[in-house]
Amino acid sequence: MLQKKDLLSLEGKVAVITGAASGIGLGTAQLLSAYGAYVAMLDVNPKGEEEAQKIRQEGRIAQFYKCDVTSIKEVEDTVNAIKENYGRIDILFNNAGVTVRKTIVDLEEKEWDFVIDVGLKGTFLLSKFVIPVMAQGGGGSIINTGSGWGLKGGDRAAAYCAVKGGIVNLTRAMAIDHGPQNIRVNSVNPGDTDTAMLRDEGVQTGVALDENTMNKYLEECGIDRPLKRIGIPEDIANAVLFLASDLSSWITGAALVVDGGGIA
C-alpha cells in the first residue's frame, strides 16, 4: 500500500539563492524557508539583509550575503562562508540576471558584457564552487533560471536571449556531467512575471512611468496566454520548490516552462 510522504519538505536542507533581494529570488527564498530550508540569500543589493530579517522574524533561518556573482573571489569566499556556517549545500538556485532591451546593432559592448556576465558567468561561478560542496554531502539539486525567450527568442533582447538560451543548454550539460554525483540540474523558464526587472523593461521599451500606463503594459503581457494573466514571483517559486524537492527525484536536464501557456 502506498504511504503518503512529505516529499515537498526541505527540512534541514541548505538552499543558496542568487538575486534574492527582490522578485523571483526573494519569492523563492520566502517559499523554500517556509518548507524548512535554511536559505542563504545572495545579492549585490543590501536590501537583501532587510528581507532576510523578515524571514527570521517568522521563525525561519535565513542569512544574507552581499555577493557580486560576476566576481570569482566574492563567489568563492561566499560559498566557503556558507559551508562554514551550515556545513553543507543541498540546493542552488542560480537566479541572478539582468536585461538591456536592445538589438545587436544598438547594444554597446559594455551592455552585452554586463548581461552575459551576470546571467551566464554568474551561473558558471556559483555552480563551480557549489557543486563540490554538494557532491561531498551526497548530492543535491541545482535550478537555473532560463526564460521562455531562451527557448524561442524575443524582440529587442539580443543579449538576454543569448544568456537564457545558453543557460538552458548549460543546464543539460551540467545534468550529464554531475548526475553520477547525485546532483540534478534543471532550468525553470518563466514567462512575463511582475518583477522590478519587467517593470524596468517597460521603461526601456518606451512605456511611460505613470501608474495607469504601467498597469496597462503589465496586463498586456498576459493577453496571449491561455491563463490570461501575468505571472507573479510565487508562480515561479512553486516550480523551483518542486525541482528542489524529492517530488522531482528522477528529473534532470529538463527545461520547465512556467508562463501561463505563452509558448505552448
C-alpha atoms as a PDB file:
ATOM      1  CA  MET A   1       0.000   0.000   0.000  1.00  0.00           C
ATOM      2  CA  LEU A   2       1.368   3.404  -0.996  1.00  0.00           C
ATOM      3  CA  GLN A   3       2.013   5.600   2.016  1.00  0.00           C
ATOM      4  CA  LYS A   4       1.821   9.377   1.960  1.00  0.00           C
ATOM      5  CA  LYS A   5       5.199  11.069   2.287  1.00  0.00           C
ATOM      6  CA  ASP A   6       6.034  14.725   2.789  1.00  0.00           C
ATOM      7  CA  LEU A   7       8.097  14.832  -0.388  1.00  0.00           C
ATOM      8  CA  LEU A   8       7.955  18.630  -0.554  1.00  0.00           C
ATOM      9  CA  SER A   9       9.650  19.034   2.810  1.00  0.00           C
ATOM     10  CA  LEU A  10      13.038  20.738   2.698  1.00  0.00           C
ATOM     11  CA  GLU A  11      13.575  20.389   6.441  1.00  0.00           C
ATOM     12  CA  GLY A  12      17.238  20.767   7.316  1.00  0.00           C
ATOM     13  CA  LYS A  13      18.359  21.422   3.752  1.00  0.00           C
ATOM     14  CA  VAL A  14      20.517  24.408   2.842  1.00  0.00           C
ATOM     15  CA  ALA A  15      19.459  26.467  -0.184  1.00  0.00           C
ATOM     16  CA  VAL A  16      21.636  29.083  -1.887  1.00  0.00           C
ATOM     17  CA  ILE A  17      19.659  31.647  -3.898  1.00  0.00           C
ATOM     18  CA  THR A  18      21.160  34.381  -6.080  1.00  0.00           C
ATOM     19  CA  GLY A  19      19.315  37.579  -6.935  1.00  0.00           C
ATOM     20  CA  ALA A  20      17.481  37.044  -3.662  1.00  0.00           C
ATOM     21  CA  ALA A  21      16.833  40.646  -2.608  1.00  0.00           C
ATOM     22  CA  SER A  22      13.727  41.027  -4.783  1.00  0.00           C
ATOM     23  CA  GLY A  23      11.444  39.472  -7.368  1.00  0.00           C
ATOM     24  CA  ILE A  24      11.625  35.762  -8.136  1.00  0.00           C
ATOM     25  CA  GLY A  25      14.689  35.251  -5.953  1.00  0.00           C
ATOM     26  CA  LEU A  26      13.032  36.779  -2.910  1.00  0.00           C
ATOM     27  CA  GLY A  27       9.770  34.935  -3.517  1.00  0.00           C
ATOM     28  CA  THR A  28      11.710  31.682  -3.718  1.00  0.00           C
ATOM     29  CA  ALA A  29      13.681  32.388  -0.534  1.00  0.00           C
ATOM     30  CA  GLN A  30      10.409  33.008   1.301  1.00  0.00           C
ATOM     31  CA  LEU A  31       8.809  29.827  -0.035  1.00  0.00           C
ATOM     32  CA  LEU A  32      11.747  27.466   0.472  1.00  0.00           C
ATOM     33  CA  SER A  33      12.207  28.723   4.023  1.00  0.00           C
ATOM     34  CA  ALA A  34       8.512  28.063   4.667  1.00  0.00           C
ATOM     35  CA  TYR A  35       9.145  24.440   3.679  1.00  0.00           C
ATOM     36  CA  GLY A  36      12.016  24.121   6.141  1.00  0.00           C
ATOM     37  CA  ALA A  37      15.111  25.094   4.173  1.00  0.00           C
ATOM     38  CA  TYR A  38      17.892  27.233   5.598  1.00  0.00           C
ATOM     39  CA  VAL A  39      18.233  29.937   2.955  1.00  0.00           C
ATOM     40  CA  ALA A  40      21.431  31.753   2.039  1.00  0.00           C
ATOM     41  CA  MET A  41      20.341  34.866   0.141  1.00  0.00           C
ATOM     42  CA  LEU A  42      22.906  36.358  -2.264  1.00  0.00           C
ATOM     43  CA  ASP A  43      22.598  39.747  -3.959  1.00  0.00           C
ATOM     44  CA  VAL A  44      24.532  42.962  -4.579  1.00  0.00           C
ATOM     45  CA  ASN A  45      21.555  44.910  -3.228  1.00  0.00           C
ATOM     46  CA  PRO A  46      21.925  45.409   0.558  1.00  0.00           C
ATOM     47  CA  LYS A  47      18.122  45.346   0.802  1.00  0.00           C
ATOM     48  CA  GLY A  48      18.577  41.599   0.964  1.00  0.00           C
ATOM     49  CA  GLU A  49      19.536  41.928   4.637  1.00  0.00           C
ATOM     50  CA  GLU A  50      16.165  43.529   5.434  1.00  0.00           C
ATOM     51  CA  GLU A  51      14.372  40.708   3.626  1.00  0.00           C
ATOM     52  CA  ALA A  52      16.410  38.067   5.447  1.00  0.00           C
ATOM     53  CA  GLN A  53      15.486  39.710   8.752  1.00  0.00           C
ATOM     54  CA  LYS A  54      11.789  39.487   7.848  1.00  0.00           C
ATOM     55  CA  ILE A  55      12.166  35.753   7.190  1.00  0.00           C
ATOM     56  CA  ARG A  56      13.951  35.287  10.520  1.00  0.00           C
ATOM     57  CA  GLN A  57      11.149  37.157  12.270  1.00  0.00           C
ATOM     58  CA  GLU A  58       8.837  34.376  11.089  1.00  0.00           C
ATOM     59  CA  GLY A  59      10.980  31.881  12.988  1.00  0.00           C
ATOM     60  CA  ARG A  60      12.807  30.613   9.932  1.00  0.00           C
ATOM     61  CA  ILE A  61      16.524  30.514   9.149  1.00  0.00           C
ATOM     62  CA  ALA A  62      17.851  32.969   6.574  1.00  0.00           C
ATOM     63  CA  GLN A  63      21.140  34.776   6.124  1.00  0.00           C
ATOM     64  CA  PHE A  64      22.077  37.462   3.618  1.00  0.00           C
ATOM     65  CA  TYR A  65      25.433  37.519   1.848  1.00  0.00           C
ATOM     66  CA  LYS A  66      26.368  40.562  -0.218  1.00  0.00           C
ATOM     67  CA  CYS A  67      27.921  38.983  -3.285  1.00  0.00           C
ATOM     68  CA  ASP A  68      28.681  40.034  -6.850  1.00  0.00           C
ATOM     69  CA  VAL A  69      28.092  36.834  -8.839  1.00  0.00           C
ATOM     70  CA  THR A  70      30.470  38.044 -11.575  1.00  0.00           C
ATOM     71  CA  SER A  71      33.440  38.119  -9.171  1.00  0.00           C
ATOM     72  CA  ILE A  72      35.220  34.778  -8.760  1.00  0.00           C
ATOM     73  CA  LYS A  73      36.735  35.877  -5.458  1.00  0.00           C
ATOM     74  CA  GLU A  74      33.441  37.048  -3.972  1.00  0.00           C
ATOM     75  CA  VAL A  75      31.657  33.894  -5.099  1.00  0.00           C
ATOM     76  CA  GLU A  76      34.359  31.579  -3.733  1.00  0.00           C
ATOM     77  CA  ASP A  77      34.514  33.464  -0.429  1.00  0.00           C
ATOM     78  CA  THR A  78      30.724  33.449  -0.098  1.00  0.00           C
ATOM     79  CA  VAL A  79      30.373  29.728  -0.822  1.00  0.00           C
ATOM     80  CA  ASN A  80      33.131  28.994   1.699  1.00  0.00           C
ATOM     81  CA  ALA A  81      31.320  31.129   4.295  1.00  0.00           C
ATOM     82  CA  ILE A  82      28.030  29.304   3.676  1.00  0.00           C
ATOM     83  CA  LYS A  83      29.773  25.941   4.003  1.00  0.00           C
ATOM     84  CA  GLU A  84      31.404  27.073   7.238  1.00  0.00           C
ATOM     85  CA  ASN A  85      28.082  28.321   8.644  1.00  0.00           C
ATOM     86  CA  TYR A  86      25.857  25.415   7.604  1.00  0.00           C
ATOM     87  CA  GLY A  87      28.211  22.562   6.800  1.00  0.00           C
ATOM     88  CA  ARG A  88      26.513  21.658   3.535  1.00  0.00           C
ATOM     89  CA  ILE A  89      24.650  22.943   0.452  1.00  0.00           C
ATOM     90  CA  ASP A  90      21.721  20.935  -0.901  1.00  0.00           C
ATOM     91  CA  ILE A  91      20.001  23.374  -3.272  1.00  0.00           C
ATOM     92  CA  LEU A  92      21.357  26.057  -5.585  1.00  0.00           C
ATOM     93  CA  PHE A  93      19.015  28.436  -7.370  1.00  0.00           C
ATOM     94  CA  ASN A  94      21.034  30.356  -9.977  1.00  0.00           C
ATOM     95  CA  ASN A  95      18.578  33.182 -10.458  1.00  0.00           C
ATOM     96  CA  ALA A  96      20.551  36.441 -10.730  1.00  0.00           C
ATOM     97  CA  GLY A  97      20.050  38.137 -14.085  1.00  0.00           C
ATOM     98  CA  VAL A  98      19.682  41.475 -15.830  1.00  0.00           C
ATOM     99  CA  THR A  99      18.498  42.668 -19.213  1.00  0.00           C
ATOM    100  CA  VAL A 100      19.067  45.501 -21.664  1.00  0.00           C
ATOM    101  CA  ARG A 101      16.310  45.764 -24.248  1.00  0.00           C
ATOM    102  CA  LYS A 102      18.273  46.411 -27.456  1.00  0.00           C
ATOM    103  CA  THR A 103      19.086  44.737 -30.753  1.00  0.00           C
ATOM    104  CA  ILE A 104      22.595  43.512 -31.551  1.00  0.00           C
ATOM    105  CA  VAL A 105      23.186  46.645 -33.624  1.00  0.00           C
ATOM    106  CA  ASP A 106      22.150  49.002 -30.831  1.00  0.00           C
ATOM    107  CA  LEU A 107      23.885  47.223 -27.950  1.00  0.00           C
ATOM    108  CA  GLU A 108      27.046  48.737 -26.516  1.00  0.00           C
ATOM    109  CA  GLU A 109      29.864  46.293 -25.781  1.00  0.00           C
ATOM    110  CA  LYS A 110      29.688  47.083 -22.065  1.00  0.00           C
ATOM    111  CA  GLU A 111      25.931  46.343 -22.068  1.00  0.00           C
ATOM    112  CA  TRP A 112      26.472  42.993 -23.763  1.00  0.00           C
ATOM    113  CA  ASP A 113      29.211  42.100 -21.269  1.00  0.00           C
ATOM    114  CA  PHE A 114      27.049  43.152 -18.317  1.00  0.00           C
ATOM    115  CA  VAL A 115      24.097  40.960 -19.287  1.00  0.00           C
ATOM    116  CA  ILE A 116      26.287  37.972 -20.193  1.00  0.00           C
ATOM    117  CA  ASP A 117      28.417  38.241 -17.050  1.00  0.00           C
ATOM    118  CA  VAL A 118      25.573  38.454 -14.535  1.00  0.00           C
ATOM    119  CA  GLY A 119      23.401  35.768 -16.105  1.00  0.00           C
ATOM    120  CA  LEU A 120      25.797  33.251 -17.628  1.00  0.00           C
ATOM    121  CA  LYS A 121      29.111  33.813 -15.841  1.00  0.00           C
ATOM    122  CA  GLY A 122      27.258  34.094 -12.543  1.00  0.00           C
ATOM    123  CA  THR A 123      25.634  30.703 -13.124  1.00  0.00           C
ATOM    124  CA  PHE A 124      29.022  29.237 -14.015  1.00  0.00           C
ATOM    125  CA  LEU A 125      30.823  30.635 -10.968  1.00  0.00           C
ATOM    126  CA  LEU A 126      28.212  29.657  -8.376  1.00  0.00           C
ATOM    127  CA  SER A 127      27.943  26.163  -9.844  1.00  0.00           C
ATOM    128  CA  LYS A 128      31.730  25.805  -9.989  1.00  0.00           C
ATOM    129  CA  PHE A 129      32.122  26.329  -6.258  1.00  0.00           C
ATOM    130  CA  VAL A 130      28.850  24.832  -5.009  1.00  0.00           C
ATOM    131  CA  ILE A 131      28.998  21.510  -6.873  1.00  0.00           C
ATOM    132  CA  PRO A 132      31.994  20.144  -4.912  1.00  0.00           C
ATOM    133  CA  VAL A 133      30.214  21.007  -1.650  1.00  0.00           C
ATOM    134  CA  MET A 134      27.030  19.333  -2.873  1.00  0.00           C
ATOM    135  CA  ALA A 135      28.893  16.244  -4.022  1.00  0.00           C
ATOM    136  CA  GLN A 136      30.643  15.982  -0.654  1.00  0.00           C
ATOM    137  CA  GLY A 137      27.225  15.998   1.014  1.00  0.00           C
ATOM    138  CA  GLY A 138      25.872  13.214  -1.187  1.00  0.00           C
ATOM    139  CA  GLY A 139      24.200  15.244  -3.934  1.00  0.00           C
ATOM    140  CA  GLY A 140      21.605  17.942  -4.402  1.00  0.00           C
ATOM    141  CA  SER A 141      19.515  19.948  -6.819  1.00  0.00           C
ATOM    142  CA  ILE A 142      20.540  22.908  -8.980  1.00  0.00           C
ATOM    143  CA  ILE A 143      17.891  25.052 -10.633  1.00  0.00           C
ATOM    144  CA  ASN A 144      18.924  27.656 -13.207  1.00  0.00           C
ATOM    145  CA  THR A 145      16.631  30.497 -14.251  1.00  0.00           C
ATOM    146  CA  GLY A 146      16.202  30.454 -18.000  1.00  0.00           C
ATOM    147  CA  SER A 147      13.312  32.113 -19.835  1.00  0.00           C
ATOM    148  CA  GLY A 148      10.665  31.438 -22.419  1.00  0.00           C
ATOM    149  CA  TRP A 149      12.790  33.713 -24.579  1.00  0.00           C
ATOM    150  CA  GLY A 150      15.702  31.331 -24.085  1.00  0.00           C
ATOM    151  CA  LEU A 151      13.634  28.772 -25.972  1.00  0.00           C
ATOM    152  CA  LYS A 152      12.040  30.852 -28.697  1.00  0.00           C
ATOM    153  CA  GLY A 153      13.718  34.281 -28.731  1.00  0.00           C
ATOM    154  CA  GLY A 154      12.174  37.709 -28.417  1.00  0.00           C
ATOM    155  CA  ASP A 155      12.416  41.224 -29.779  1.00  0.00           C
ATOM    156  CA  ARG A 156      14.990  43.831 -28.745  1.00  0.00           C
ATOM    157  CA  ALA A 157      16.608  41.482 -26.219  1.00  0.00           C
ATOM    158  CA  ALA A 158      19.608  40.014 -28.035  1.00  0.00           C
ATOM    159  CA  ALA A 159      21.948  39.729 -25.052  1.00  0.00           C
ATOM    160  CA  TYR A 160      19.198  38.469 -22.751  1.00  0.00           C
ATOM    161  CA  CYS A 161      18.124  35.789 -25.244  1.00  0.00           C
ATOM    162  CA  ALA A 162      21.746  34.730 -25.693  1.00  0.00           C
ATOM    163  CA  VAL A 163      22.147  34.313 -21.935  1.00  0.00           C
ATOM    164  CA  LYS A 164      18.914  32.430 -21.429  1.00  0.00           C
ATOM    165  CA  GLY A 165      19.458  30.140 -24.409  1.00  0.00           C
ATOM    166  CA  GLY A 166      22.932  29.434 -23.056  1.00  0.00           C
ATOM    167  CA  ILE A 167      21.562  28.669 -19.606  1.00  0.00           C
ATOM    168  CA  VAL A 168      19.082  26.127 -20.983  1.00  0.00           C
ATOM    169  CA  ASN A 169      21.807  24.169 -22.766  1.00  0.00           C
ATOM    170  CA  LEU A 170      24.349  24.658 -19.972  1.00  0.00           C
ATOM    171  CA  THR A 171      21.757  23.053 -17.715  1.00  0.00           C
ATOM    172  CA  ARG A 172      21.651  19.970 -19.938  1.00  0.00           C
ATOM    173  CA  ALA A 173      25.448  19.736 -19.983  1.00  0.00           C
ATOM    174  CA  MET A 174      25.674  20.046 -16.198  1.00  0.00           C
ATOM    175  CA  ALA A 175      22.985  17.392 -15.764  1.00  0.00           C
ATOM    176  CA  ILE A 176      25.052  14.963 -17.850  1.00  0.00           C
ATOM    177  CA  ASP A 177      28.314  15.731 -16.075  1.00  0.00           C
ATOM    178  CA  HIS A 178      27.085  15.699 -12.495  1.00  0.00           C
ATOM    179  CA  GLY A 179      24.294  13.133 -12.477  1.00  0.00           C
ATOM    180  CA  PRO A 180      26.777  10.460 -11.322  1.00  0.00           C
ATOM    181  CA  GLN A 181      27.365  12.618  -8.218  1.00  0.00           C
ATOM    182  CA  ASN A 182      23.626  12.500  -7.486  1.00  0.00           C
ATOM    183  CA  ILE A 183      23.269  16.150  -8.499  1.00  0.00           C
ATOM    184  CA  ARG A 184      20.195  17.001 -10.536  1.00  0.00           C
ATOM    185  CA  VAL A 185      20.276  20.119 -12.730  1.00  0.00           C
ATOM    186  CA  ASN A 186      17.165  21.644 -14.278  1.00  0.00           C
ATOM    187  CA  SER A 187      16.083  25.026 -15.600  1.00  0.00           C
ATOM    188  CA  VAL A 188      12.884  26.886 -14.842  1.00  0.00           C
ATOM    189  CA  ASN A 189      11.807  29.132 -17.710  1.00  0.00           C
ATOM    190  CA  PRO A 190       9.411  31.904 -16.714  1.00  0.00           C
ATOM    191  CA  GLY A 191       7.216  33.966 -18.962  1.00  0.00           C
ATOM    192  CA  ASP A 192       6.462  37.602 -18.145  1.00  0.00           C
ATOM    193  CA  THR A 193       6.452  37.890 -14.364  1.00  0.00           C
ATOM    194  CA  ASP A 194       5.603  41.016 -12.396  1.00  0.00           C
ATOM    195  CA  THR A 195       9.007  41.955 -11.025  1.00  0.00           C
ATOM    196  CA  ALA A 196      11.045  45.149 -10.867  1.00  0.00           C
ATOM    197  CA  MET A 197      13.044  43.925 -13.872  1.00  0.00           C
ATOM    198  CA  LEU A 198       9.929  43.545 -16.017  1.00  0.00           C
ATOM    199  CA  ARG A 199       8.683  46.978 -14.990  1.00  0.00           C
ATOM    200  CA  ASP A 200      12.090  48.375 -15.954  1.00  0.00           C
ATOM    201  CA  GLU A 201      11.769  46.626 -19.324  1.00  0.00           C
ATOM    202  CA  GLY A 202       8.573  48.564 -19.823  1.00  0.00           C
ATOM    203  CA  VAL A 203      10.522  51.760 -19.287  1.00  0.00           C
ATOM    204  CA  GLN A 204      13.326  50.606 -21.616  1.00  0.00           C
ATOM    205  CA  THR A 205      10.847  49.863 -24.386  1.00  0.00           C
ATOM    206  CA  GLY A 206       9.128  53.226 -24.151  1.00  0.00           C
ATOM    207  CA  VAL A 207       6.310  52.661 -21.675  1.00  0.00           C
ATOM    208  CA  ALA A 208       5.583  55.804 -19.675  1.00  0.00           C
ATOM    209  CA  LEU A 209       6.221  55.834 -15.953  1.00  0.00           C
ATOM    210  CA  ASP A 210       2.698  56.757 -14.859  1.00  0.00           C
ATOM    211  CA  GLU A 211       0.871  54.009 -12.954  1.00  0.00           C
ATOM    212  CA  ASN A 212      -2.028  53.617 -15.380  1.00  0.00           C
ATOM    213  CA  THR A 213       0.248  53.096 -18.382  1.00  0.00           C
ATOM    214  CA  MET A 214       2.462  50.665 -16.493  1.00  0.00           C
ATOM    215  CA  ASN A 215      -0.560  48.666 -15.323  1.00  0.00           C
ATOM    216  CA  LYS A 216      -1.793  48.502 -18.920  1.00  0.00           C
ATOM    217  CA  TYR A 217       1.620  47.246 -20.013  1.00  0.00           C
ATOM    218  CA  LEU A 218       1.576  44.535 -17.357  1.00  0.00           C
ATOM    219  CA  GLU A 219      -1.948  43.493 -18.349  1.00  0.00           C
ATOM    220  CA  GLU A 220      -0.912  43.250 -21.993  1.00  0.00           C
ATOM    221  CA  CYS A 221       1.915  40.884 -21.035  1.00  0.00           C
ATOM    222  CA  GLY A 222      -0.730  38.271 -20.256  1.00  0.00           C
ATOM    223  CA  ILE A 223      -3.037  38.756 -23.243  1.00  0.00           C
ATOM    224  CA  ASP A 224      -1.591  35.953 -25.372  1.00  0.00           C
ATOM    225  CA  ARG A 225      -1.570  33.406 -22.563  1.00  0.00           C
ATOM    226  CA  PRO A 226      -4.348  30.851 -22.172  1.00  0.00           C
ATOM    227  CA  LEU A 227      -4.408  31.552 -18.423  1.00  0.00           C
ATOM    228  CA  LYS A 228      -4.946  35.266 -19.195  1.00  0.00           C
ATOM    229  CA  ARG A 229      -2.777  36.834 -16.528  1.00  0.00           C
ATOM    230  CA  ILE A 230       0.787  37.882 -15.919  1.00  0.00           C
ATOM    231  CA  GLY A 231       2.898  35.716 -13.632  1.00  0.00           C
ATOM    232  CA  ILE A 232       3.857  36.593 -10.075  1.00  0.00           C
ATOM    233  CA  PRO A 233       7.081  35.561  -8.302  1.00  0.00           C
ATOM    234  CA  GLU A 234       5.243  32.883  -6.314  1.00  0.00           C
ATOM    235  CA  ASP A 235       4.320  31.104  -9.563  1.00  0.00           C
ATOM    236  CA  ILE A 236       7.990  30.613 -10.371  1.00  0.00           C
ATOM    237  CA  ALA A 237       8.926  29.850  -6.762  1.00  0.00           C
ATOM    238  CA  ASN A 238       6.419  26.977  -6.755  1.00  0.00           C
ATOM    239  CA  ALA A 239       8.220  25.424  -9.727  1.00  0.00           C
ATOM    240  CA  VAL A 240      11.582  25.851  -8.012  1.00  0.00           C
ATOM    241  CA  LEU A 241      10.210  24.170  -4.893  1.00  0.00           C
ATOM    242  CA  PHE A 242       9.111  21.199  -6.998  1.00  0.00           C
ATOM    243  CA  LEU A 243      12.513  20.894  -8.685  1.00  0.00           C
ATOM    244  CA  ALA A 244      14.329  21.269  -5.356  1.00  0.00           C
ATOM    245  CA  SER A 245      12.225  18.640  -3.609  1.00  0.00           C
ATOM    246  CA  ASP A 246      12.147  14.859  -3.693  1.00  0.00           C
ATOM    247  CA  LEU A 247       8.994  15.037  -5.828  1.00  0.00           C
ATOM    248  CA  SER A 248      11.319  15.583  -8.802  1.00  0.00           C
ATOM    249  CA  SER A 249      13.902  12.966  -7.801  1.00  0.00           C
ATOM    250  CA  TRP A 250      14.083  11.443 -11.305  1.00  0.00           C
ATOM    251  CA  ILE A 251      14.023  14.702 -13.252  1.00  0.00           C
ATOM    252  CA  THR A 252      17.256  16.196 -14.538  1.00  0.00           C
ATOM    253  CA  GLY A 253      18.284  18.152 -17.634  1.00  0.00           C
ATOM    254  CA  ALA A 254      14.711  19.405 -18.057  1.00  0.00           C
ATOM    255  CA  ALA A 255      13.590  22.884 -19.147  1.00  0.00           C
ATOM    256  CA  LEU A 256      10.365  23.524 -17.224  1.00  0.00           C
ATOM    257  CA  VAL A 257       8.322  26.318 -18.793  1.00  0.00           C
ATOM    258  CA  VAL A 258       6.223  28.361 -16.349  1.00  0.00           C
ATOM    259  CA  ASP A 259       4.454  31.037 -18.378  1.00  0.00           C
ATOM    260  CA  GLY A 260       0.706  30.533 -18.339  1.00  0.00           C
ATOM    261  CA  GLY A 261       0.873  28.791 -21.723  1.00  0.00           C
ATOM    262  CA  GLY A 262       2.579  31.629 -23.574  1.00  0.00           C
ATOM    263  CA  ILE A 263       4.815  29.429 -25.759  1.00  0.00           C
ATOM    264  CA  ALA A 264       2.514  26.401 -25.883  1.00  0.00           C
END
